[in-house]
Each structure stands twice: as structure tokens, then as C-alpha cells.
C-alpha atoms as a PDB file:
ATOM      1  CA  UNK A   1    -150.042  31.435 128.735  1.00  0.00           C
ATOM      2  CA  UNK A   2    -148.088  30.655 125.635  1.00  0.00           C
ATOM      3  CA  UNK A   3    -147.779  26.988 124.743  1.00  0.00           C
ATOM      4  CA  UNK A   4    -144.193  25.824 124.353  1.00  0.00           C
ATOM      5  CA  UNK A   5    -142.714  22.571 123.129  1.00  0.00           C
ATOM      6  CA  UNK A   6    -141.262  20.620 126.061  1.00  0.00           C
ATOM      7  CA  UNK A   7    -138.553  18.949 123.989  1.00  0.00           C
ATOM      8  CA  UNK A   8    -137.508  22.305 122.558  1.00  0.00           C
ATOM      9  CA  UNK A   9    -137.402  23.809 126.046  1.00  0.00           C
ATOM     10  CA  UNK A  10    -135.225  20.949 127.267  1.00  0.00           C
ATOM     11  CA  UNK A  11    -132.687  21.057 124.441  1.00  0.00           C
ATOM     12  CA  UNK A  12    -132.507  24.852 124.213  1.00  0.00           C
ATOM     13  CA  UNK A  13    -131.797  25.045 127.942  1.00  0.00           C
ATOM     14  CA  UNK A  14    -129.242  22.256 127.679  1.00  0.00           C
ATOM     15  CA  UNK A  15    -127.415  23.656 124.639  1.00  0.00           C
ATOM     16  CA  UNK A  16    -127.287  27.210 125.983  1.00  0.00           C
ATOM     17  CA  UNK A  17    -125.931  26.002 129.332  1.00  0.00           C
ATOM     18  CA  UNK A  18    -129.006  27.239 131.168  1.00  0.00           C
ATOM     19  CA  UNK A  19    -129.304  30.701 129.636  1.00  0.00           C
ATOM     20  CA  UNK A  20    -132.509  29.797 127.815  1.00  0.00           C
ATOM     21  CA  UNK A  21    -133.913  28.613 131.146  1.00  0.00           C
ATOM     22  CA  UNK A  22    -133.380  32.090 132.566  1.00  0.00           C
ATOM     23  CA  UNK A  23    -134.984  33.611 129.466  1.00  0.00           C
ATOM     24  CA  UNK A  24    -137.924  31.199 129.909  1.00  0.00           C
ATOM     25  CA  UNK A  25    -138.387  32.308 133.528  1.00  0.00           C
ATOM     26  CA  UNK A  26    -138.348  35.988 132.537  1.00  0.00           C
ATOM     27  CA  UNK A  27    -140.737  35.444 129.621  1.00  0.00           C
ATOM     28  CA  UNK A  28    -143.214  33.366 131.621  1.00  0.00           C
ATOM     29  CA  UNK A  29    -142.995  35.881 134.490  1.00  0.00           C
ATOM     30  CA  UNK A  30    -144.320  38.543 132.137  1.00  0.00           C
ATOM     31  CA  UNK A  31    -147.115  36.281 130.942  1.00  0.00           C
ATOM     32  CA  UNK A  32    -148.101  35.432 134.517  1.00  0.00           C
ATOM     33  CA  UNK A  33    -148.050  39.094 135.580  1.00  0.00           C
ATOM     34  CA  UNK A  34    -150.371  39.849 132.659  1.00  0.00           C
ATOM     35  CA  UNK A  35    -152.782  37.311 134.185  1.00  0.00           C
ATOM     36  CA  UNK A  36    -152.748  38.843 137.649  1.00  0.00           C
ATOM     37  CA  UNK A  37    -149.649  37.382 139.319  1.00  0.00           C
ATOM     38  CA  UNK A  38    -147.442  39.650 141.432  1.00  0.00           C
ATOM     39  CA  UNK A  39    -143.879  38.713 140.493  1.00  0.00           C
ATOM     40  CA  UNK A  40    -141.219  41.428 140.884  1.00  0.00           C
ATOM     41  CA  UNK A  41    -138.564  42.358 138.345  1.00  0.00           C
ATOM     42  CA  UNK A  42    -136.400  39.533 137.058  1.00  0.00           C
ATOM     43  CA  UNK A  43    -133.251  41.522 137.849  1.00  0.00           C
ATOM     44  CA  UNK A  44    -133.594  40.108 141.355  1.00  0.00           C
ATOM     45  CA  UNK A  45    -132.471  36.754 139.954  1.00  0.00           C
ATOM     46  CA  UNK A  46    -128.936  38.174 139.974  1.00  0.00           C
ATOM     47  CA  UNK A  47    -128.939  38.976 143.708  1.00  0.00           C
ATOM     48  CA  UNK A  48    -127.935  36.059 145.965  1.00  0.00           C
ATOM     49  CA  UNK A  49    -130.501  35.064 148.601  1.00  0.00           C
ATOM     50  CA  UNK A  50    -133.017  37.529 147.134  1.00  0.00           C
ATOM     51  CA  UNK A  51    -133.256  35.256 144.094  1.00  0.00           C
ATOM     52  CA  UNK A  52    -134.794  32.581 146.342  1.00  0.00           C
ATOM     53  CA  UNK A  53    -137.517  35.040 147.370  1.00  0.00           C
ATOM     54  CA  UNK A  54    -138.051  35.886 143.693  1.00  0.00           C
ATOM     55  CA  UNK A  55    -138.359  32.179 142.891  1.00  0.00           C
ATOM     56  CA  UNK A  56    -140.969  31.847 145.656  1.00  0.00           C
ATOM     57  CA  UNK A  57    -142.977  34.745 144.189  1.00  0.00           C
ATOM     58  CA  UNK A  58    -142.641  33.113 140.748  1.00  0.00           C
ATOM     59  CA  UNK A  59    -143.975  29.868 142.220  1.00  0.00           C
ATOM     60  CA  UNK A  60    -146.958  31.687 143.700  1.00  0.00           C
ATOM     61  CA  UNK A  61    -147.630  33.026 140.203  1.00  0.00           C
ATOM     62  CA  UNK A  62    -147.549  29.478 138.837  1.00  0.00           C
ATOM     63  CA  UNK A  63    -150.207  28.495 141.367  1.00  0.00           C
ATOM     64  CA  UNK A  64    -152.371  31.462 140.381  1.00  0.00           C
ATOM     65  CA  UNK A  65    -152.088  30.925 136.623  1.00  0.00           C
ATOM     66  CA  UNK A  66    -152.754  27.185 136.815  1.00  0.00           C
ATOM     67  CA  UNK A  67    -155.821  27.795 138.943  1.00  0.00           C
ATOM     68  CA  UNK A  68    -154.335  25.942 141.904  1.00  0.00           C
ATOM     69  CA  UNK A  69    -153.665  22.775 139.917  1.00  0.00           C
ATOM     70  CA  UNK A  70    -149.988  23.166 140.841  1.00  0.00           C
ATOM     71  CA  UNK A  71    -149.263  24.554 144.278  1.00  0.00           C
ATOM     72  CA  UNK A  72    -146.663  27.236 144.829  1.00  0.00           C
ATOM     73  CA  UNK A  73    -144.658  24.948 147.108  1.00  0.00           C
ATOM     74  CA  UNK A  74    -144.528  22.187 144.493  1.00  0.00           C
ATOM     75  CA  UNK A  75    -143.498  24.664 141.783  1.00  0.00           C
ATOM     76  CA  UNK A  76    -140.771  26.084 144.032  1.00  0.00           C
ATOM     77  CA  UNK A  77    -139.382  22.636 144.836  1.00  0.00           C
ATOM     78  CA  UNK A  78    -139.555  21.543 141.202  1.00  0.00           C
ATOM     79  CA  UNK A  79    -137.419  24.428 139.991  1.00  0.00           C
ATOM     80  CA  UNK A  80    -135.120  24.605 143.007  1.00  0.00           C
ATOM     81  CA  UNK A  81    -134.445  20.863 143.341  1.00  0.00           C
ATOM     82  CA  UNK A  82    -134.967  19.453 139.845  1.00  0.00           C
ATOM     83  CA  UNK A  83    -133.944  22.430 137.711  1.00  0.00           C
ATOM     84  CA  UNK A  84    -134.603  21.726 134.045  1.00  0.00           C
ATOM     85  CA  UNK A  85    -136.919  18.794 134.779  1.00  0.00           C
ATOM     86  CA  UNK A  86    -138.953  21.045 137.063  1.00  0.00           C
ATOM     87  CA  UNK A  87    -139.140  23.636 134.302  1.00  0.00           C
ATOM     88  CA  UNK A  88    -140.593  20.998 131.981  1.00  0.00           C
ATOM     89  CA  UNK A  89    -143.242  19.975 134.515  1.00  0.00           C
ATOM     90  CA  UNK A  90    -144.212  23.610 135.072  1.00  0.00           C
ATOM     91  CA  UNK A  91    -144.316  24.317 131.327  1.00  0.00           C
ATOM     92  CA  UNK A  92    -146.584  21.298 130.916  1.00  0.00           C
ATOM     93  CA  UNK A  93    -148.912  22.868 133.502  1.00  0.00           C
ATOM     94  CA  UNK A  94    -148.725  26.154 131.546  1.00  0.00           C
ATOM     95  CA  UNK A  95    -149.607  24.296 128.335  1.00  0.00           C
ATOM     96  CA  UNK A  96    -152.659  22.753 130.021  1.00  0.00           C
ATOM     97  CA  UNK A  97    -153.683  26.171 131.353  1.00  0.00           C
ATOM     98  CA  UNK A  98    -153.340  27.604 127.828  1.00  0.00           C
ATOM     99  CA  UNK A  99    -155.546  24.809 126.467  1.00  0.00           C
ATOM    100  CA  UNK A 100    -158.205  25.535 129.095  1.00  0.00           C
ATOM    101  CA  UNK A 101    -157.962  29.261 128.340  1.00  0.00           C
ATOM    102  CA  UNK A 102    -158.391  28.633 124.603  1.00  0.00           C
ATOM    103  CA  UNK A 103    -161.337  26.297 125.199  1.00  0.00           C
ATOM    104  CA  UNK A 104    -163.034  28.887 127.404  1.00  0.00           C
ATOM    105  CA  UNK A 105    -162.624  31.557 124.727  1.00  0.00           C
ATOM    106  CA  UNK A 106    -163.845  29.255 121.948  1.00  0.00           C
ATOM    107  CA  UNK A 107    -166.992  28.154 123.804  1.00  0.00           C
ATOM    108  CA  UNK A 108    -170.078  29.862 122.418  1.00  0.00           C
ATOM    109  CA  UNK A 109    -171.857  32.236 124.722  1.00  0.00           C
ATOM    110  CA  UNK A 110    -175.044  30.880 126.242  1.00  0.00           C
ATOM    111  CA  UNK A 111    -178.201  32.426 124.797  1.00  0.00           C
ATOM    112  CA  UNK A 112    -179.891  34.994 126.966  1.00  0.00           C
ATOM    113  CA  UNK A 113    -183.222  33.732 128.236  1.00  0.00           C
ATOM    114  CA  UNK A 114    -185.978  36.293 127.925  1.00  0.00           C
ATOM    115  CA  UNK A 115    -189.729  36.323 127.636  1.00  0.00           C
ATOM    116  CA  UNK A 116    -189.776  37.852 124.135  1.00  0.00           C
ATOM    117  CA  UNK A 117    -187.946  37.157 120.939  1.00  0.00           C
ATOM    118  CA  UNK A 118    -185.199  39.699 120.299  1.00  0.00           C
ATOM    119  CA  UNK A 119    -185.803  39.827 116.529  1.00  0.00           C
ATOM    120  CA  UNK A 120    -189.065  41.336 115.322  1.00  0.00           C
ATOM    121  CA  UNK A 121    -191.094  39.314 112.819  1.00  0.00           C
ATOM    122  CA  UNK A 122    -190.418  40.092 109.183  1.00  0.00           C
ATOM    123  CA  UNK A 123    -193.265  40.676 106.739  1.00  0.00           C
ATOM    124  CA  UNK A 124    -193.571  38.108 103.969  1.00  0.00           C
ATOM    125  CA  UNK A 125    -191.895  39.007 100.704  1.00  0.00           C
ATOM    126  CA  UNK A 126    -194.260  39.152  97.758  1.00  0.00           C
ATOM    127  CA  UNK A 127    -193.154  37.316  94.646  1.00  0.00           C
ATOM    128  CA  UNK A 128    -194.542  37.980  91.172  1.00  0.00           C
END
């Protein structure tokens, strides 16, 4: 997940009268789908009643991407009830997931234990 500044997210959503919030949902939907979530097309946001189902699927994606640290029900209620504040809480969870992802990629691979050394011995170099 891409890390985003929470203050920037708040003010951009506020100044654009919510349009950036919709953009944020569409953008993060794509990132979550790339990580195995199953969120349908964002065009469904425009269809009344169906947009609630879409939001539920989005919330399930949040649960998947955060590794269960934020449940789908909590994510759904955060966005549905708290709006922009809920977006900030969810983005904070995304930021933490991105940090964990980066730490996992940066960790060195454990050496493979084997009975023999993988590099053959080198003959001594003669000096004159």
C-alpha cells in the first residue's frame, strides 16, 4: 500500500468538497486488488444502494490488506458513519501495513543451513 500523509488527505478532501475522498477510495481499491482483495469496479459508487455493497466489499479488502488488524465491519462503520475521519483512520492502517511490507522486504534472507560450505576453497595466491 502506498503511504499517504494524513493531514494532506484531510485537507485535500475538505477543499475539494469530497471529490478527493472518492479519488482516494478508487486509488486504494486498485492497490488492495493488487494485493489480493476482491473489490468490484468503482463505477458502482454511483449507483444508489449498490454503493453500500461496494463499500462493504471495500471494507473486506481493508481487512485483508491490514492482515486482520482492522476488521471489515469497523472499516465499513468508519467510512459510513465518520466519513473523512474514518478515511484518516483507515489510511493510518494502510500506512502501518506499508511499513510492515517495507520491513519484510528489507529483512535479509536467512542463510540456508547445509552440511557443506557452498563456496569451494580457493588456492593460496603466490606472491613474489
